């Protein structure tokens, strides 16, 4: 039973690790906390708190991007569609208890939104 939960969590954490490392170097990107002794991603990369922090950061980045005045009509429409999704993920993660299967689903949704945000950020002049 535990192995059935750990394998998907490991896959999702590996899936999240690659986009997080790239975004951590971008100004305003997701800040990946490092463990001082190891210099690598923390073992709890899929923790509810770290996902909540990332989700709040994404909502903040999307809100800032929307109000910047630098977006064309298509980009504004894309941000308008992403923002409610990011707010929904944030709201779910703010709940006192999140089941592991739901946490995995939220992590996947957050990762997809972060990829879209990174692509959109790269198109803004």
N, C-alpha and C. Protein backbone atom coordinates (compact mmCIF):
# COMPACT_ATOMS: atom_id res chain seq x y z
N UNK A 1 0.83 -1.20 0.00
CA UNK A 1 0.00 0.00 0.00
C UNK A 1 0.87 1.25 0.00
N UNK A 2 1.86 1.29 0.88
CA UNK A 2 2.74 2.45 0.95
C UNK A 2 3.51 2.62 -0.35
N UNK A 3 3.93 1.50 -0.93
CA UNK A 3 4.68 1.56 -2.17
C UNK A 3 3.82 2.12 -3.30
N UNK A 4 2.53 1.83 -3.29
CA UNK A 4 1.63 2.35 -4.31
C UNK A 4 1.51 3.86 -4.23
N UNK A 5 1.70 4.42 -3.06
CA UNK A 5 1.64 5.87 -2.88
C UNK A 5 3.00 6.49 -3.18
N UNK A 6 4.06 5.85 -2.75
CA UNK A 6 5.39 6.42 -2.90
C UNK A 6 5.85 6.51 -4.35
N UNK A 7 5.51 5.53 -5.16
CA UNK A 7 5.96 5.54 -6.55
C UNK A 7 5.39 6.73 -7.30
N UNK A 8 4.07 6.99 -7.26
CA UNK A 8 3.55 8.19 -7.95
C UNK A 8 4.12 9.49 -7.36
N UNK A 9 4.32 9.53 -6.06
CA UNK A 9 4.89 10.73 -5.45
C UNK A 9 6.31 10.97 -5.95
N UNK A 10 7.08 9.89 -6.09
CA UNK A 10 8.44 10.01 -6.60
C UNK A 10 8.42 10.51 -8.04
N UNK A 11 7.52 9.98 -8.84
CA UNK A 11 7.43 10.38 -10.25
C UNK A 11 7.06 11.86 -10.35
N UNK A 12 6.08 12.28 -9.57
CA UNK A 12 5.66 13.68 -9.62
C UNK A 12 6.78 14.60 -9.12
N UNK A 13 7.48 14.19 -8.06
CA UNK A 13 8.56 15.04 -7.56
C UNK A 13 9.69 15.14 -8.58
N UNK A 14 9.98 14.07 -9.29
CA UNK A 14 11.00 14.12 -10.34
C UNK A 14 10.51 15.01 -11.49
N UNK A 15 9.22 14.92 -11.79
CA UNK A 15 8.61 15.74 -12.83
C UNK A 15 8.67 17.22 -12.47
N UNK A 16 8.46 17.52 -11.19
CA UNK A 16 8.48 18.91 -10.74
C UNK A 16 9.90 19.46 -10.63
N UNK A 17 10.86 18.62 -10.39
CA UNK A 17 12.22 19.09 -10.14
C UNK A 17 12.83 19.79 -11.35
N UNK A 18 12.62 19.29 -12.55
CA UNK A 18 13.25 19.89 -13.72
C UNK A 18 12.71 21.28 -14.03
N UNK A 19 11.39 21.53 -14.05
CA UNK A 19 10.96 22.90 -14.33
C UNK A 19 11.27 23.87 -13.19
N UNK A 20 11.31 23.38 -11.97
CA UNK A 20 11.61 24.25 -10.84
C UNK A 20 13.05 24.75 -10.90
N UNK A 21 13.97 23.89 -11.28
CA UNK A 21 15.36 24.28 -11.34
C UNK A 21 15.56 25.37 -12.39
N UNK A 22 14.88 25.27 -13.52
CA UNK A 22 14.99 26.27 -14.56
C UNK A 22 14.36 27.59 -14.13
N UNK A 23 13.20 27.54 -13.46
CA UNK A 23 12.51 28.75 -13.08
C UNK A 23 13.17 29.45 -11.90
N UNK A 24 13.90 28.72 -11.10
CA UNK A 24 14.53 29.32 -9.94
C UNK A 24 15.57 30.34 -10.35
N UNK A 25 16.08 30.23 -11.57
CA UNK A 25 17.11 31.15 -12.04
C UNK A 25 16.52 32.37 -12.72
N UNK A 26 15.22 32.37 -12.97
CA UNK A 26 14.58 33.49 -13.64
C UNK A 26 14.13 34.53 -12.62
N UNK A 27 14.32 35.81 -12.91
CA UNK A 27 13.81 36.82 -11.99
C UNK A 27 12.30 36.68 -11.84
N UNK A 28 11.84 36.63 -10.61
CA UNK A 28 10.42 36.50 -10.35
C UNK A 28 9.91 35.09 -10.50
N UNK A 29 10.79 34.15 -10.81
CA UNK A 29 10.39 32.76 -10.98
C UNK A 29 10.18 32.08 -9.65
N UNK A 30 9.92 30.81 -9.70
CA UNK A 30 9.70 30.04 -8.49
C UNK A 30 11.02 29.91 -7.74
N UNK A 31 11.00 30.24 -6.48
CA UNK A 31 12.18 30.14 -5.66
C UNK A 31 12.25 28.76 -5.03
N UNK A 32 13.28 28.01 -5.37
CA UNK A 32 13.42 26.66 -4.85
C UNK A 32 14.32 26.71 -3.63
N UNK A 33 13.77 26.37 -2.47
CA UNK A 33 14.61 26.36 -1.28
C UNK A 33 15.65 25.26 -1.37
N UNK A 34 16.85 25.54 -0.87
CA UNK A 34 17.90 24.54 -0.87
C UNK A 34 18.26 24.18 0.56
N UNK A 35 18.61 22.92 0.73
CA UNK A 35 19.07 22.47 2.02
C UNK A 35 20.53 22.86 2.13
N UNK A 36 20.92 23.65 3.14
CA UNK A 36 22.29 24.16 3.21
C UNK A 36 23.37 23.09 3.15
N UNK A 37 23.15 21.96 3.79
CA UNK A 37 24.20 20.95 3.84
C UNK A 37 24.37 20.20 2.53
N UNK A 38 23.32 20.10 1.72
CA UNK A 38 23.43 19.29 0.50
C UNK A 38 23.43 20.13 -0.77
N UNK A 39 22.86 21.32 -0.74
CA UNK A 39 22.82 22.15 -1.93
C UNK A 39 21.88 21.62 -3.00
N UNK A 40 20.92 20.80 -2.64
CA UNK A 40 20.00 20.23 -3.62
C UNK A 40 18.56 20.47 -3.18
N UNK A 41 17.64 19.99 -3.98
CA UNK A 41 16.23 20.12 -3.63
C UNK A 41 15.95 19.38 -2.34
N UNK A 42 15.08 19.92 -1.50
CA UNK A 42 14.74 19.21 -0.28
C UNK A 42 13.99 17.92 -0.61
N UNK A 43 14.10 16.96 0.27
CA UNK A 43 13.45 15.68 0.01
C UNK A 43 11.94 15.81 0.04
N UNK A 44 11.41 16.81 0.69
CA UNK A 44 9.97 17.02 0.75
C UNK A 44 9.49 17.97 -0.32
N UNK A 45 10.03 17.86 -1.55
CA UNK A 45 9.68 18.77 -2.63
C UNK A 45 8.18 18.74 -2.93
N UNK A 46 7.51 17.69 -2.53
CA UNK A 46 6.08 17.57 -2.79
C UNK A 46 5.27 17.90 -1.55
N UNK A 47 5.87 18.57 -0.59
CA UNK A 47 5.14 18.89 0.62
C UNK A 47 4.05 19.93 0.32
N UNK A 48 3.01 19.87 1.09
CA UNK A 48 1.89 20.78 0.93
C UNK A 48 2.35 22.22 1.08
N UNK A 49 3.21 22.49 2.06
CA UNK A 49 3.67 23.86 2.30
C UNK A 49 4.47 24.41 1.13
N UNK A 50 5.37 23.59 0.56
CA UNK A 50 6.17 24.09 -0.55
C UNK A 50 5.30 24.31 -1.79
N UNK A 51 4.33 23.41 -2.01
CA UNK A 51 3.42 23.61 -3.14
C UNK A 51 2.56 24.85 -2.95
N UNK A 52 2.11 25.09 -1.72
CA UNK A 52 1.30 26.27 -1.43
C UNK A 52 2.12 27.54 -1.68
N UNK A 53 3.37 27.53 -1.26
CA UNK A 53 4.24 28.69 -1.48
C UNK A 53 4.41 28.95 -2.99
N UNK A 54 4.61 27.88 -3.75
CA UNK A 54 4.76 28.03 -5.20
C UNK A 54 3.47 28.53 -5.84
N UNK A 55 2.34 28.01 -5.40
CA UNK A 55 1.05 28.42 -5.96
C UNK A 55 0.78 29.90 -5.68
N UNK A 56 1.06 30.33 -4.45
CA UNK A 56 0.87 31.74 -4.12
C UNK A 56 1.79 32.62 -4.96
N UNK A 57 3.02 32.17 -5.16
CA UNK A 57 3.96 32.92 -5.99
C UNK A 57 3.48 33.02 -7.43
N UNK A 58 2.91 31.94 -7.94
CA UNK A 58 2.39 31.95 -9.31
C UNK A 58 1.21 32.91 -9.43
N UNK A 59 0.30 32.90 -8.46
CA UNK A 59 -0.82 33.84 -8.48
C UNK A 59 -0.30 35.27 -8.48
N UNK A 60 0.68 35.52 -7.63
CA UNK A 60 1.28 36.86 -7.56
C UNK A 60 1.92 37.26 -8.89
N UNK A 61 2.68 36.33 -9.49
CA UNK A 61 3.34 36.61 -10.77
C UNK A 61 2.32 36.86 -11.88
N UNK A 62 1.26 36.06 -11.92
CA UNK A 62 0.23 36.24 -12.94
C UNK A 62 -0.50 37.57 -12.76
N UNK A 63 -0.80 37.92 -11.52
CA UNK A 63 -1.48 39.19 -11.24
C UNK A 63 -0.59 40.36 -11.65
N UNK A 64 0.68 40.28 -11.32
CA UNK A 64 1.63 41.32 -11.69
C UNK A 64 1.77 41.43 -13.20
N UNK A 65 1.84 40.29 -13.85
CA UNK A 65 1.98 40.26 -15.31
C UNK A 65 0.75 40.91 -15.96
N UNK A 66 -0.41 40.60 -15.43
CA UNK A 66 -1.66 41.13 -16.00
C UNK A 66 -1.72 42.65 -15.87
N UNK A 67 -1.26 43.16 -14.75
CA UNK A 67 -1.35 44.60 -14.51
C UNK A 67 -0.16 45.37 -15.09
N UNK A 68 0.80 44.68 -15.69
CA UNK A 68 2.00 45.35 -16.19
C UNK A 68 1.75 46.19 -17.44
N UNK A 69 0.70 45.84 -18.19
CA UNK A 69 0.43 46.58 -19.43
C UNK A 69 1.30 46.13 -20.59
N UNK A 70 2.07 45.09 -20.42
CA UNK A 70 2.98 44.62 -21.46
C UNK A 70 2.39 43.48 -22.30
N UNK A 71 1.17 43.05 -21.99
CA UNK A 71 0.58 41.90 -22.68
C UNK A 71 -0.28 42.35 -23.85
N UNK A 72 -0.22 41.57 -24.94
CA UNK A 72 -1.16 41.82 -26.02
C UNK A 72 -2.48 41.12 -25.69
N UNK A 73 -3.45 41.23 -26.57
CA UNK A 73 -4.78 40.70 -26.27
C UNK A 73 -4.77 39.18 -26.04
N UNK A 74 -4.02 38.44 -26.85
CA UNK A 74 -3.97 36.98 -26.71
C UNK A 74 -3.29 36.59 -25.40
N UNK A 75 -2.23 37.30 -25.05
CA UNK A 75 -1.52 37.01 -23.80
C UNK A 75 -2.39 37.34 -22.59
N UNK A 76 -3.13 38.44 -22.67
CA UNK A 76 -4.04 38.80 -21.59
C UNK A 76 -5.11 37.74 -21.41
N UNK A 77 -5.62 37.23 -22.52
CA UNK A 77 -6.63 36.17 -22.46
C UNK A 77 -6.04 34.91 -21.82
N UNK A 78 -4.78 34.59 -22.14
CA UNK A 78 -4.14 33.42 -21.56
C UNK A 78 -3.97 33.60 -20.06
N UNK A 79 -3.53 34.77 -19.62
CA UNK A 79 -3.38 35.04 -18.19
C UNK A 79 -4.74 34.97 -17.50
N UNK A 80 -5.76 35.52 -18.17
CA UNK A 80 -7.11 35.48 -17.60
C UNK A 80 -7.62 34.05 -17.42
N UNK A 81 -7.18 33.14 -18.26
CA UNK A 81 -7.60 31.74 -18.11
C UNK A 81 -6.74 31.00 -17.08
N UNK A 82 -5.49 31.40 -16.92
CA UNK A 82 -4.59 30.74 -15.98
C UNK A 82 -4.83 31.18 -14.54
N UNK A 83 -5.17 32.43 -14.35
CA UNK A 83 -5.29 32.99 -13.00
C UNK A 83 -6.34 32.27 -12.14
N UNK A 84 -7.55 32.01 -12.64
CA UNK A 84 -8.51 31.28 -11.80
C UNK A 84 -8.04 29.86 -11.46
N UNK A 85 -7.33 29.22 -12.39
CA UNK A 85 -6.81 27.88 -12.13
C UNK A 85 -5.76 27.92 -11.02
N UNK A 86 -4.87 28.91 -11.08
CA UNK A 86 -3.84 29.04 -10.06
C UNK A 86 -4.46 29.38 -8.70
N UNK A 87 -5.50 30.22 -8.71
CA UNK A 87 -6.19 30.56 -7.47
C UNK A 87 -6.91 29.34 -6.90
N UNK A 88 -7.45 28.50 -7.76
CA UNK A 88 -8.12 27.29 -7.32
C UNK A 88 -7.13 26.31 -6.66
N UNK A 89 -5.97 26.15 -7.29
CA UNK A 89 -4.94 25.27 -6.71
C UNK A 89 -4.52 25.82 -5.35
N UNK A 90 -4.33 27.13 -5.26
CA UNK A 90 -3.95 27.77 -4.00
C UNK A 90 -5.01 27.53 -2.94
N UNK A 91 -6.27 27.71 -3.30
CA UNK A 91 -7.36 27.50 -2.34
C UNK A 91 -7.40 26.07 -1.83
N UNK A 92 -7.20 25.11 -2.72
CA UNK A 92 -7.19 23.70 -2.31
C UNK A 92 -6.03 23.41 -1.37
N UNK A 93 -4.87 24.00 -1.66
CA UNK A 93 -3.69 23.76 -0.82
C UNK A 93 -3.79 24.47 0.53
N UNK A 94 -4.62 25.50 0.62
CA UNK A 94 -4.80 26.21 1.88
C UNK A 94 -5.72 25.47 2.85
N UNK A 95 -6.40 24.45 2.36
CA UNK A 95 -7.28 23.67 3.23
C UNK A 95 -6.44 22.94 4.28
N UNK A 96 -6.99 22.75 5.48
CA UNK A 96 -6.21 22.13 6.56
C UNK A 96 -5.69 20.73 6.23
N UNK A 97 -6.46 19.96 5.50
CA UNK A 97 -6.04 18.60 5.19
C UNK A 97 -6.25 18.32 3.71
N UNK A 98 -5.18 17.85 3.05
CA UNK A 98 -5.25 17.51 1.65
C UNK A 98 -4.80 16.05 1.51
N UNK A 99 -5.67 15.17 0.99
CA UNK A 99 -5.28 13.77 0.83
C UNK A 99 -4.10 13.62 -0.15
N UNK A 100 -3.27 12.61 0.03
CA UNK A 100 -2.09 12.44 -0.83
C UNK A 100 -2.42 12.37 -2.33
N UNK A 101 -3.50 11.69 -2.70
CA UNK A 101 -3.83 11.61 -4.12
C UNK A 101 -4.23 12.99 -4.67
N UNK A 102 -4.91 13.79 -3.87
CA UNK A 102 -5.28 15.15 -4.28
C UNK A 102 -4.03 16.03 -4.36
N UNK A 103 -3.10 15.83 -3.43
CA UNK A 103 -1.85 16.59 -3.43
C UNK A 103 -1.07 16.33 -4.72
N UNK A 104 -1.04 15.08 -5.14
CA UNK A 104 -0.37 14.72 -6.38
C UNK A 104 -1.04 15.40 -7.57
N UNK A 105 -2.35 15.40 -7.58
CA UNK A 105 -3.10 16.05 -8.66
C UNK A 105 -2.84 17.56 -8.67
N UNK A 106 -2.84 18.18 -7.52
CA UNK A 106 -2.58 19.62 -7.43
C UNK A 106 -1.16 19.95 -7.87
N UNK A 107 -0.22 19.09 -7.51
CA UNK A 107 1.18 19.30 -7.92
C UNK A 107 1.29 19.25 -9.44
N UNK A 108 0.58 18.34 -10.06
CA UNK A 108 0.59 18.23 -11.52
C UNK A 108 -0.03 19.47 -12.17
N UNK A 109 -1.16 19.93 -11.63
CA UNK A 109 -1.81 21.13 -12.15
C UNK A 109 -0.89 22.35 -12.00
N UNK A 110 -0.25 22.45 -10.86
CA UNK A 110 0.65 23.57 -10.62
C UNK A 110 1.83 23.53 -11.58
N UNK A 111 2.37 22.36 -11.81
CA UNK A 111 3.48 22.22 -12.74
C UNK A 111 3.08 22.65 -14.15
N UNK A 112 1.89 22.24 -14.59
CA UNK A 112 1.40 22.65 -15.91
C UNK A 112 1.25 24.17 -16.00
N UNK A 113 0.70 24.77 -14.96
CA UNK A 113 0.54 26.23 -14.95
C UNK A 113 1.89 26.94 -14.95
N UNK A 114 2.87 26.39 -14.21
CA UNK A 114 4.19 27.00 -14.18
C UNK A 114 4.86 26.94 -15.55
N UNK A 115 4.66 25.84 -16.26
CA UNK A 115 5.22 25.73 -17.62
C UNK A 115 4.57 26.75 -18.54
N UNK A 116 3.26 26.91 -18.45
CA UNK A 116 2.57 27.90 -19.27
C UNK A 116 3.06 29.31 -18.93
N UNK A 117 3.25 29.59 -17.64
CA UNK A 117 3.72 30.90 -17.21
C UNK A 117 5.12 31.17 -17.76
N UNK A 118 5.99 30.16 -17.70
CA UNK A 118 7.36 30.31 -18.20
C UNK A 118 7.35 30.61 -19.69
N UNK A 119 6.52 29.90 -20.44
CA UNK A 119 6.43 30.14 -21.88
C UNK A 119 5.90 31.54 -22.15
N UNK A 120 4.88 31.92 -21.45
CA UNK A 120 4.29 33.26 -21.63
C UNK A 120 5.30 34.34 -21.25
N UNK A 121 6.00 34.15 -20.16
CA UNK A 121 7.00 35.12 -19.70
C UNK A 121 8.08 35.31 -20.76
N UNK A 122 8.44 34.21 -21.44
CA UNK A 122 9.47 34.29 -22.48
C UNK A 122 9.01 35.06 -23.71
N UNK A 123 7.71 35.16 -23.95
CA UNK A 123 7.19 35.87 -25.11
C UNK A 123 7.02 37.36 -24.88
N UNK A 124 7.02 37.80 -23.63
CA UNK A 124 6.81 39.21 -23.34
C UNK A 124 8.09 39.97 -23.60
N UNK A 125 7.94 41.08 -24.28
CA UNK A 125 9.11 41.90 -24.66
C UNK A 125 9.46 42.89 -23.60
